[in-house]
Amino acid sequence: MSQAATKIKELLAAIPAATRRKAEKFPVREAEETDKGNWVAFVDDGAESYDVQLSISKGNLLQHTCDCGKLDADGFCLHQLAVLLHISTG
């Protein structure tokens, strides 16, 4: 999925507290930067595991995908937010 660049700091600041708490509960496994700015991770959601991919450059989220198919109106899912929070906290 291709989107316009989104400032990660602005995106994370705009996450409602309840949504943030939900995203923080998902275990993020094997989060690694495969190439400069390209991240791949697996996020466990109960018995399911989803593949999340993020493309980041200079603090901007350029592209993001998740194979869960549960995107909100802004094009994000909790799994993508979980990975963003995981990466942003080191």
N, C-alpha and C. Protein backbone atom coordinates (compact mmCIF):
# COMPACT_ATOMS: atom_id res chain seq x y z
N MET A 1 0.85 -1.16 0.00
CA MET A 1 0.00 0.00 0.00
C MET A 1 0.90 1.23 0.00
N SER A 2 0.62 2.17 -0.82
CA SER A 2 1.42 3.39 -0.90
C SER A 2 0.58 4.56 -0.39
N GLN A 3 1.17 5.37 0.46
CA GLN A 3 0.49 6.52 1.02
C GLN A 3 1.40 7.73 0.94
N ALA A 4 0.82 8.90 1.17
CA ALA A 4 1.65 10.10 1.28
C ALA A 4 2.45 9.99 2.57
N ALA A 5 3.59 10.64 2.60
CA ALA A 5 4.45 10.60 3.79
C ALA A 5 3.69 11.16 5.00
N THR A 6 3.84 10.49 6.12
CA THR A 6 3.21 10.89 7.37
C THR A 6 4.30 11.06 8.42
N LYS A 7 4.31 12.19 9.10
CA LYS A 7 5.27 12.41 10.18
C LYS A 7 4.96 11.44 11.31
N ILE A 8 5.93 10.62 11.67
CA ILE A 8 5.72 9.60 12.69
C ILE A 8 5.40 10.22 14.04
N LYS A 9 6.10 11.28 14.42
CA LYS A 9 5.83 11.93 15.71
C LYS A 9 4.40 12.43 15.78
N GLU A 10 3.91 13.01 14.69
CA GLU A 10 2.53 13.52 14.65
C GLU A 10 1.53 12.37 14.71
N LEU A 11 1.82 11.30 13.99
CA LEU A 11 0.94 10.13 14.00
C LEU A 11 0.84 9.55 15.40
N LEU A 12 1.98 9.33 16.05
CA LEU A 12 1.97 8.75 17.38
C LEU A 12 1.30 9.66 18.40
N ALA A 13 1.49 10.96 18.25
CA ALA A 13 0.86 11.91 19.18
C ALA A 13 -0.66 11.94 19.01
N ALA A 14 -1.14 11.62 17.82
CA ALA A 14 -2.58 11.68 17.54
C ALA A 14 -3.33 10.39 17.89
N ILE A 15 -2.61 9.36 18.29
CA ILE A 15 -3.26 8.09 18.62
C ILE A 15 -4.04 8.28 19.93
N PRO A 16 -5.35 7.98 19.90
CA PRO A 16 -6.11 8.07 21.16
C PRO A 16 -5.54 7.10 22.21
N ALA A 17 -5.63 7.48 23.46
CA ALA A 17 -5.04 6.69 24.55
C ALA A 17 -5.53 5.25 24.55
N ALA A 18 -6.81 5.03 24.32
CA ALA A 18 -7.36 3.67 24.33
C ALA A 18 -6.77 2.84 23.19
N THR A 19 -6.61 3.44 22.03
CA THR A 19 -6.03 2.74 20.87
C THR A 19 -4.57 2.43 21.14
N ARG A 20 -3.86 3.37 21.73
CA ARG A 20 -2.44 3.17 22.06
C ARG A 20 -2.28 1.99 23.03
N ARG A 21 -3.13 1.93 24.06
CA ARG A 21 -3.06 0.83 25.03
C ARG A 21 -3.30 -0.51 24.35
N LYS A 22 -4.25 -0.56 23.43
CA LYS A 22 -4.52 -1.80 22.69
C LYS A 22 -3.30 -2.21 21.87
N ALA A 23 -2.73 -1.27 21.13
CA ALA A 23 -1.57 -1.56 20.27
C ALA A 23 -0.37 -2.00 21.09
N GLU A 24 -0.18 -1.40 22.26
CA GLU A 24 0.96 -1.74 23.12
C GLU A 24 0.88 -3.15 23.68
N LYS A 25 -0.30 -3.75 23.69
CA LYS A 25 -0.48 -5.10 24.23
C LYS A 25 -0.04 -6.19 23.26
N PHE A 26 0.08 -5.85 21.97
CA PHE A 26 0.46 -6.86 20.98
C PHE A 26 1.97 -7.12 21.04
N PRO A 27 2.36 -8.39 21.20
CA PRO A 27 3.79 -8.71 21.15
C PRO A 27 4.35 -8.49 19.74
N VAL A 28 5.46 -7.78 19.65
CA VAL A 28 6.14 -7.55 18.38
C VAL A 28 7.38 -8.45 18.37
N ARG A 29 7.46 -9.30 17.36
CA ARG A 29 8.58 -10.24 17.26
C ARG A 29 9.43 -9.94 16.03
N GLU A 30 10.69 -10.20 16.14
CA GLU A 30 11.62 -10.16 15.02
C GLU A 30 11.57 -8.85 14.24
N ALA A 31 11.39 -7.74 14.94
CA ALA A 31 11.40 -6.44 14.27
C ALA A 31 12.82 -6.14 13.84
N GLU A 32 13.02 -6.04 12.55
CA GLU A 32 14.37 -5.75 12.07
C GLU A 32 14.33 -4.84 10.85
N GLU A 33 15.37 -4.06 10.75
CA GLU A 33 15.54 -3.15 9.62
C GLU A 33 16.29 -3.92 8.54
N THR A 34 15.57 -4.37 7.51
CA THR A 34 16.18 -5.20 6.46
C THR A 34 17.08 -4.39 5.54
N ASP A 35 16.70 -3.19 5.22
CA ASP A 35 17.48 -2.21 4.47
C ASP A 35 17.29 -0.89 5.20
N LYS A 36 18.10 0.09 4.87
CA LYS A 36 17.98 1.40 5.53
C LYS A 36 16.54 1.91 5.43
N GLY A 37 15.85 2.01 6.59
CA GLY A 37 14.50 2.55 6.64
C GLY A 37 13.39 1.57 6.35
N ASN A 38 13.71 0.35 5.98
CA ASN A 38 12.68 -0.66 5.69
C ASN A 38 12.63 -1.67 6.83
N TRP A 39 11.51 -1.70 7.50
CA TRP A 39 11.32 -2.55 8.67
C TRP A 39 10.34 -3.67 8.39
N VAL A 40 10.63 -4.84 8.93
CA VAL A 40 9.74 -5.99 8.85
C VAL A 40 9.59 -6.53 10.27
N ALA A 41 8.37 -6.88 10.65
CA ALA A 41 8.13 -7.44 11.99
C ALA A 41 6.92 -8.36 11.93
N PHE A 42 6.83 -9.21 12.93
CA PHE A 42 5.66 -10.05 13.11
C PHE A 42 4.98 -9.60 14.39
N VAL A 43 3.66 -9.48 14.34
CA VAL A 43 2.89 -9.04 15.49
C VAL A 43 1.88 -10.13 15.82
N ASP A 44 1.93 -10.60 17.06
CA ASP A 44 1.01 -11.65 17.50
C ASP A 44 -0.28 -11.02 18.00
N ASP A 45 -1.38 -11.60 17.54
CA ASP A 45 -2.72 -11.16 17.93
C ASP A 45 -3.50 -12.42 18.26
N GLY A 46 -3.46 -12.81 19.52
CA GLY A 46 -4.08 -14.08 19.91
C GLY A 46 -3.33 -15.22 19.25
N ALA A 47 -4.07 -16.10 18.59
CA ALA A 47 -3.46 -17.25 17.92
C ALA A 47 -2.90 -16.89 16.54
N GLU A 48 -3.16 -15.68 16.08
CA GLU A 48 -2.72 -15.24 14.75
C GLU A 48 -1.42 -14.43 14.85
N SER A 49 -0.67 -14.45 13.77
CA SER A 49 0.54 -13.63 13.66
C SER A 49 0.48 -12.90 12.32
N TYR A 50 0.75 -11.61 12.35
CA TYR A 50 0.64 -10.79 11.14
C TYR A 50 1.98 -10.20 10.75
N ASP A 51 2.19 -10.12 9.46
CA ASP A 51 3.41 -9.58 8.87
C ASP A 51 3.20 -8.09 8.62
N VAL A 52 4.03 -7.27 9.27
CA VAL A 52 3.95 -5.81 9.12
C VAL A 52 5.22 -5.32 8.46
N GLN A 53 5.07 -4.44 7.47
CA GLN A 53 6.22 -3.83 6.81
C GLN A 53 6.04 -2.32 6.82
N LEU A 54 7.12 -1.62 7.18
CA LEU A 54 7.11 -0.17 7.23
C LEU A 54 8.30 0.37 6.46
N SER A 55 8.09 1.48 5.76
CA SER A 55 9.18 2.17 5.09
C SER A 55 9.25 3.58 5.70
N ILE A 56 10.42 3.89 6.30
CA ILE A 56 10.59 5.14 7.04
C ILE A 56 11.80 5.88 6.50
N SER A 57 11.65 7.20 6.33
CA SER A 57 12.77 8.04 5.91
C SER A 57 12.66 9.39 6.59
N LYS A 58 13.72 9.79 7.27
CA LYS A 58 13.81 11.12 7.89
C LYS A 58 12.60 11.45 8.77
N GLY A 59 12.17 10.47 9.57
CA GLY A 59 11.05 10.70 10.49
C GLY A 59 9.68 10.63 9.85
N ASN A 60 9.64 10.25 8.56
CA ASN A 60 8.37 10.13 7.85
C ASN A 60 8.07 8.67 7.56
N LEU A 61 6.82 8.29 7.74
CA LEU A 61 6.36 6.96 7.35
C LEU A 61 5.92 7.06 5.90
N LEU A 62 6.66 6.39 5.01
CA LEU A 62 6.38 6.49 3.58
C LEU A 62 5.38 5.45 3.10
N GLN A 63 5.53 4.21 3.59
CA GLN A 63 4.63 3.13 3.22
C GLN A 63 4.43 2.22 4.42
N HIS A 64 3.28 1.56 4.46
CA HIS A 64 3.01 0.62 5.54
C HIS A 64 2.01 -0.42 5.07
N THR A 65 2.28 -1.67 5.44
CA THR A 65 1.36 -2.75 5.10
C THR A 65 1.25 -3.71 6.28
N CYS A 66 0.12 -4.39 6.33
CA CYS A 66 -0.11 -5.47 7.28
C CYS A 66 -1.06 -6.44 6.59
N ASP A 67 -0.82 -7.71 6.80
CA ASP A 67 -1.67 -8.69 6.11
C ASP A 67 -2.94 -9.06 6.90
N CYS A 68 -3.29 -8.25 7.92
CA CYS A 68 -4.50 -8.54 8.70
C CYS A 68 -5.77 -8.13 7.97
N GLY A 69 -5.69 -7.08 7.17
CA GLY A 69 -6.88 -6.60 6.46
C GLY A 69 -7.85 -5.81 7.34
N LYS A 70 -7.39 -5.35 8.51
CA LYS A 70 -8.25 -4.62 9.46
C LYS A 70 -7.83 -3.16 9.57
N LEU A 71 -7.76 -2.47 8.46
CA LEU A 71 -7.31 -1.07 8.46
C LEU A 71 -8.44 -0.15 8.87
N ASP A 72 -8.10 0.92 9.60
CA ASP A 72 -9.10 1.91 9.96
C ASP A 72 -9.28 2.91 8.82
N ALA A 73 -10.07 3.93 9.05
CA ALA A 73 -10.35 4.92 8.01
C ALA A 73 -9.10 5.65 7.55
N ASP A 74 -8.08 5.73 8.42
CA ASP A 74 -6.84 6.40 8.06
C ASP A 74 -5.84 5.46 7.39
N GLY A 75 -6.22 4.18 7.24
CA GLY A 75 -5.35 3.22 6.56
C GLY A 75 -4.36 2.52 7.45
N PHE A 76 -4.57 2.57 8.77
CA PHE A 76 -3.68 1.92 9.73
C PHE A 76 -4.42 0.84 10.48
N CYS A 77 -3.67 -0.14 10.99
CA CYS A 77 -4.24 -1.14 11.88
C CYS A 77 -3.45 -1.12 13.19
N LEU A 78 -3.97 -1.79 14.19
CA LEU A 78 -3.30 -1.84 15.49
C LEU A 78 -1.94 -2.50 15.40
N HIS A 79 -1.78 -3.44 14.47
CA HIS A 79 -0.50 -4.14 14.32
C HIS A 79 0.59 -3.18 13.82
N GLN A 80 0.23 -2.34 12.87
CA GLN A 80 1.19 -1.35 12.36
C GLN A 80 1.55 -0.36 13.47
N LEU A 81 0.55 0.07 14.22
CA LEU A 81 0.81 0.99 15.32
C LEU A 81 1.70 0.33 16.37
N ALA A 82 1.49 -0.96 16.64
CA ALA A 82 2.33 -1.68 17.60
C ALA A 82 3.79 -1.65 17.17
N VAL A 83 4.04 -1.86 15.89
CA VAL A 83 5.42 -1.85 15.39
C VAL A 83 5.99 -0.45 15.45
N LEU A 84 5.23 0.55 15.09
CA LEU A 84 5.71 1.94 15.18
C LEU A 84 6.06 2.30 16.62
N LEU A 85 5.24 1.91 17.56
CA LEU A 85 5.52 2.18 18.96
C LEU A 85 6.76 1.42 19.42
N HIS A 86 6.89 0.19 18.97
CA HIS A 86 8.05 -0.64 19.31
C HIS A 86 9.34 0.01 18.80
N ILE A 87 9.33 0.45 17.56
CA ILE A 87 10.52 1.06 16.95
C ILE A 87 10.83 2.40 17.63
N SER A 88 9.78 3.18 17.89
CA SER A 88 10.00 4.52 18.44
C SER A 88 10.52 4.51 19.87
N THR A 89 10.29 3.41 20.58
CA THR A 89 10.78 3.33 21.96
C THR A 89 12.11 2.62 22.05
N GLY A 90 12.68 2.30 20.90
CA GLY A 90 14.02 1.72 20.87
C GLY A 90 14.01 0.24 20.99
